[in-house]
Amino acid sequence: MLIYNVTTHVEPKIEKEWLLWMKQKHLSEMLATQKFSQAKIYKVISEQDQGGASYAVQYHCDNKDILDKFLKNDAKLLQKKGDEKFGKNILFFKTELHLIEEQL
């Protein structure tokens, strides 16, 4: 399994709007690409006041080939929608995580 992780720093003035947009619009658009089996939003807990909130959003996919297809065919359009809506009020970085071991 591969996890496409997008960590986003959100300015306080748009945090509620951004989170609502993520829940009601963006996650369903990501899942509609049929590249991901699930999506999860985590709020980053930190002792430091960074002047906003940070969230880690994880999209689960089966393998690197599927993620590469998403990055090639879907990512730019979906990122553009977020950029147009929130502009410089959000900063994000992306990482790919490969699941090595899971114990339940």
Foldseek 3Di string as FASTA:
>chain_A
DKKKKKKKWAAPVCVVVVVVCVVPPLQVVVVVVVQFPDKDKDWDDDPDCPNTTMIIMITHGDDDVSVVCCVVPPVVVSVVVVCVVQPPRMDIDIDMDDDDDDDD
